[in-house]
């Protein structure tokens, strides 16, 4: 089993939402809505198991945490 990859859904500077992998210097993807970002992040996390997904609220606190694999 490989090392666990962690993905984050957080606010983006343009007012949208971004998906970013831990250690990455740039966003994997940027979305207009949080729902779109979460959907994309779930697909990434499921396809790169073992993985973890952390979804943040606008205030910077963790809303949900999911583990895959």
N, C-alpha and C. Protein backbone atom coordinates (compact mmCIF):
# COMPACT_ATOMS: atom_id res chain seq x y z
N UNK A 1 0.85 -1.18 0.00
CA UNK A 1 0.00 0.00 0.00
C UNK A 1 0.89 1.24 0.00
N UNK A 2 0.56 2.23 -0.82
CA UNK A 2 1.36 3.44 -0.93
C UNK A 2 1.08 4.43 0.18
N UNK A 3 1.82 5.52 0.12
CA UNK A 3 1.64 6.59 1.09
C UNK A 3 0.30 7.29 0.86
N UNK A 4 -0.35 7.67 1.94
CA UNK A 4 -1.65 8.33 1.84
C UNK A 4 -1.50 9.72 1.24
N UNK A 5 -2.32 10.02 0.25
CA UNK A 5 -2.34 11.34 -0.39
C UNK A 5 -3.50 12.13 0.21
N UNK A 6 -3.26 13.39 0.53
CA UNK A 6 -4.29 14.23 1.13
C UNK A 6 -4.68 15.34 0.17
N UNK A 7 -5.98 15.52 0.00
CA UNK A 7 -6.54 16.58 -0.84
C UNK A 7 -7.34 17.53 0.03
N UNK A 8 -7.31 18.81 -0.35
CA UNK A 8 -8.01 19.84 0.40
C UNK A 8 -8.96 20.60 -0.51
N UNK A 9 -10.12 20.97 0.00
CA UNK A 9 -11.04 21.90 -0.68
C UNK A 9 -11.08 23.14 0.19
N UNK A 10 -10.62 24.26 -0.38
CA UNK A 10 -10.56 25.53 0.35
C UNK A 10 -10.99 26.67 -0.56
N UNK A 11 -11.20 27.83 0.04
CA UNK A 11 -11.56 29.00 -0.77
C UNK A 11 -10.37 29.41 -1.64
N UNK A 12 -10.69 29.99 -2.78
CA UNK A 12 -9.68 30.48 -3.73
C UNK A 12 -9.70 32.00 -3.72
N UNK A 13 -8.60 32.60 -4.04
CA UNK A 13 -8.47 34.07 -4.01
C UNK A 13 -9.50 34.78 -4.89
N UNK A 14 -9.97 34.11 -5.95
CA UNK A 14 -10.94 34.74 -6.86
C UNK A 14 -12.38 34.64 -6.36
N UNK A 15 -12.56 34.07 -5.18
CA UNK A 15 -13.91 33.94 -4.62
C UNK A 15 -14.52 32.57 -4.83
N UNK A 16 -13.89 31.74 -5.65
CA UNK A 16 -14.38 30.39 -5.87
C UNK A 16 -13.77 29.42 -4.87
N UNK A 17 -13.71 28.16 -5.28
CA UNK A 17 -13.19 27.10 -4.42
C UNK A 17 -12.13 26.33 -5.18
N UNK A 18 -11.08 25.89 -4.48
CA UNK A 18 -10.00 25.15 -5.14
C UNK A 18 -9.80 23.79 -4.50
N UNK A 19 -9.30 22.87 -5.32
CA UNK A 19 -8.88 21.55 -4.87
C UNK A 19 -7.36 21.55 -4.96
N UNK A 20 -6.71 21.14 -3.90
CA UNK A 20 -5.25 21.14 -3.89
C UNK A 20 -4.75 19.92 -3.15
N UNK A 21 -3.71 19.30 -3.71
CA UNK A 21 -3.09 18.14 -3.06
C UNK A 21 -2.05 18.63 -2.07
N UNK A 22 -1.88 17.90 -0.99
CA UNK A 22 -0.88 18.26 0.01
C UNK A 22 0.50 18.33 -0.64
N UNK A 23 1.23 19.40 -0.36
CA UNK A 23 2.57 19.57 -0.89
C UNK A 23 2.62 20.22 -2.26
N UNK A 24 1.48 20.38 -2.92
CA UNK A 24 1.44 21.00 -4.24
C UNK A 24 1.51 22.52 -4.10
N UNK A 25 2.23 23.16 -5.02
CA UNK A 25 2.35 24.61 -4.96
C UNK A 25 1.18 25.31 -5.65
N UNK A 26 0.45 24.57 -6.47
CA UNK A 26 -0.68 25.15 -7.20
C UNK A 26 -1.92 24.29 -7.01
N UNK A 27 -3.06 24.91 -7.24
CA UNK A 27 -4.33 24.18 -7.15
C UNK A 27 -4.42 23.14 -8.26
N UNK A 28 -5.00 22.00 -7.94
CA UNK A 28 -5.27 20.97 -8.94
C UNK A 28 -6.38 21.43 -9.87
N UNK A 29 -7.40 22.08 -9.28
CA UNK A 29 -8.51 22.63 -10.06
C UNK A 29 -9.17 23.75 -9.27
N UNK A 30 -9.86 24.65 -10.00
CA UNK A 30 -10.57 25.78 -9.39
C UNK A 30 -12.00 25.74 -9.90
N UNK A 31 -12.97 25.97 -9.00
CA UNK A 31 -14.38 25.85 -9.32
C UNK A 31 -15.17 27.05 -8.82
N UNK A 32 -16.29 27.33 -9.47
CA UNK A 32 -17.14 28.44 -9.06
C UNK A 32 -17.89 28.13 -7.77
N UNK A 33 -18.27 26.86 -7.60
CA UNK A 33 -19.03 26.49 -6.41
C UNK A 33 -18.28 25.47 -5.57
N UNK A 34 -18.60 25.44 -4.30
CA UNK A 34 -18.01 24.48 -3.38
C UNK A 34 -18.42 23.06 -3.77
N UNK A 35 -19.67 22.90 -4.17
CA UNK A 35 -20.16 21.58 -4.57
C UNK A 35 -19.36 20.98 -5.70
N UNK A 36 -19.04 21.80 -6.71
CA UNK A 36 -18.24 21.32 -7.84
C UNK A 36 -16.85 20.92 -7.37
N UNK A 37 -16.27 21.72 -6.49
CA UNK A 37 -14.93 21.43 -5.98
C UNK A 37 -14.92 20.13 -5.18
N UNK A 38 -15.91 19.94 -4.33
CA UNK A 38 -16.00 18.72 -3.51
C UNK A 38 -16.18 17.50 -4.40
N UNK A 39 -17.01 17.60 -5.41
CA UNK A 39 -17.23 16.49 -6.33
C UNK A 39 -15.93 16.09 -7.03
N UNK A 40 -15.20 17.08 -7.51
CA UNK A 40 -13.92 16.83 -8.17
C UNK A 40 -12.91 16.22 -7.21
N UNK A 41 -12.86 16.74 -6.00
CA UNK A 41 -11.91 16.25 -5.00
C UNK A 41 -12.22 14.80 -4.61
N UNK A 42 -13.50 14.46 -4.51
CA UNK A 42 -13.89 13.08 -4.18
C UNK A 42 -13.43 12.12 -5.27
N UNK A 43 -13.58 12.53 -6.54
CA UNK A 43 -13.12 11.69 -7.65
C UNK A 43 -11.62 11.47 -7.56
N UNK A 44 -10.87 12.54 -7.30
CA UNK A 44 -9.41 12.42 -7.17
C UNK A 44 -9.04 11.50 -6.01
N UNK A 45 -9.66 11.71 -4.87
CA UNK A 45 -9.34 10.91 -3.69
C UNK A 45 -9.66 9.43 -3.91
N UNK A 46 -10.78 9.15 -4.56
CA UNK A 46 -11.16 7.75 -4.82
C UNK A 46 -10.19 7.09 -5.80
N UNK A 47 -9.68 7.86 -6.76
CA UNK A 47 -8.81 7.28 -7.78
C UNK A 47 -7.35 7.20 -7.34
N UNK A 48 -7.01 7.79 -6.20
CA UNK A 48 -5.63 7.77 -5.70
C UNK A 48 -5.57 7.22 -4.28
N UNK A 49 -6.28 6.13 -4.03
CA UNK A 49 -6.30 5.52 -2.70
C UNK A 49 -4.96 4.88 -2.38
N UNK A 50 -4.52 4.86 -1.13
CA UNK A 50 -5.19 5.41 0.04
C UNK A 50 -5.09 6.93 0.04
N UNK A 51 -6.17 7.58 0.44
CA UNK A 51 -6.20 9.04 0.41
C UNK A 51 -7.13 9.59 1.49
N UNK A 52 -7.03 10.89 1.66
CA UNK A 52 -7.85 11.59 2.63
C UNK A 52 -8.33 12.88 1.98
N UNK A 53 -9.54 13.28 2.29
CA UNK A 53 -10.12 14.52 1.77
C UNK A 53 -10.56 15.38 2.94
N UNK A 54 -10.06 16.61 2.98
CA UNK A 54 -10.47 17.58 3.99
C UNK A 54 -11.19 18.73 3.29
N UNK A 55 -12.42 18.98 3.68
CA UNK A 55 -13.22 20.07 3.12
C UNK A 55 -13.33 21.15 4.18
N UNK A 56 -12.93 22.35 3.81
CA UNK A 56 -12.92 23.47 4.75
C UNK A 56 -14.11 24.40 4.51
N UNK A 57 -14.52 25.08 5.56
CA UNK A 57 -15.54 26.13 5.48
C UNK A 57 -14.85 27.43 5.06
N UNK A 58 -15.65 28.44 4.74
CA UNK A 58 -15.09 29.74 4.36
C UNK A 58 -14.27 30.35 5.49
N UNK A 59 -14.59 30.03 6.74
CA UNK A 59 -13.86 30.62 7.87
C UNK A 59 -12.54 29.89 8.17
N UNK A 60 -12.22 28.87 7.37
CA UNK A 60 -10.95 28.17 7.52
C UNK A 60 -10.98 26.97 8.45
N UNK A 61 -12.13 26.65 9.01
CA UNK A 61 -12.24 25.47 9.87
C UNK A 61 -12.66 24.27 9.03
N UNK A 62 -12.31 23.08 9.51
CA UNK A 62 -12.64 21.85 8.78
C UNK A 62 -14.13 21.57 8.90
N UNK A 63 -14.77 21.35 7.75
CA UNK A 63 -16.19 20.99 7.72
C UNK A 63 -16.35 19.48 7.76
N UNK A 64 -15.63 18.78 6.86
CA UNK A 64 -15.70 17.32 6.82
C UNK A 64 -14.33 16.73 6.52
N UNK A 65 -14.17 15.49 6.94
CA UNK A 65 -12.95 14.73 6.67
C UNK A 65 -13.37 13.34 6.24
N UNK A 66 -12.83 12.89 5.11
CA UNK A 66 -13.16 11.55 4.61
C UNK A 66 -11.87 10.82 4.27
N UNK A 67 -11.86 9.52 4.52
CA UNK A 67 -10.71 8.69 4.21
C UNK A 67 -11.15 7.63 3.21
N UNK A 68 -10.30 7.38 2.22
CA UNK A 68 -10.58 6.39 1.18
C UNK A 68 -9.46 5.36 1.20
N UNK A 69 -9.85 4.08 1.10
CA UNK A 69 -8.86 3.00 1.05
C UNK A 69 -8.39 2.67 2.38
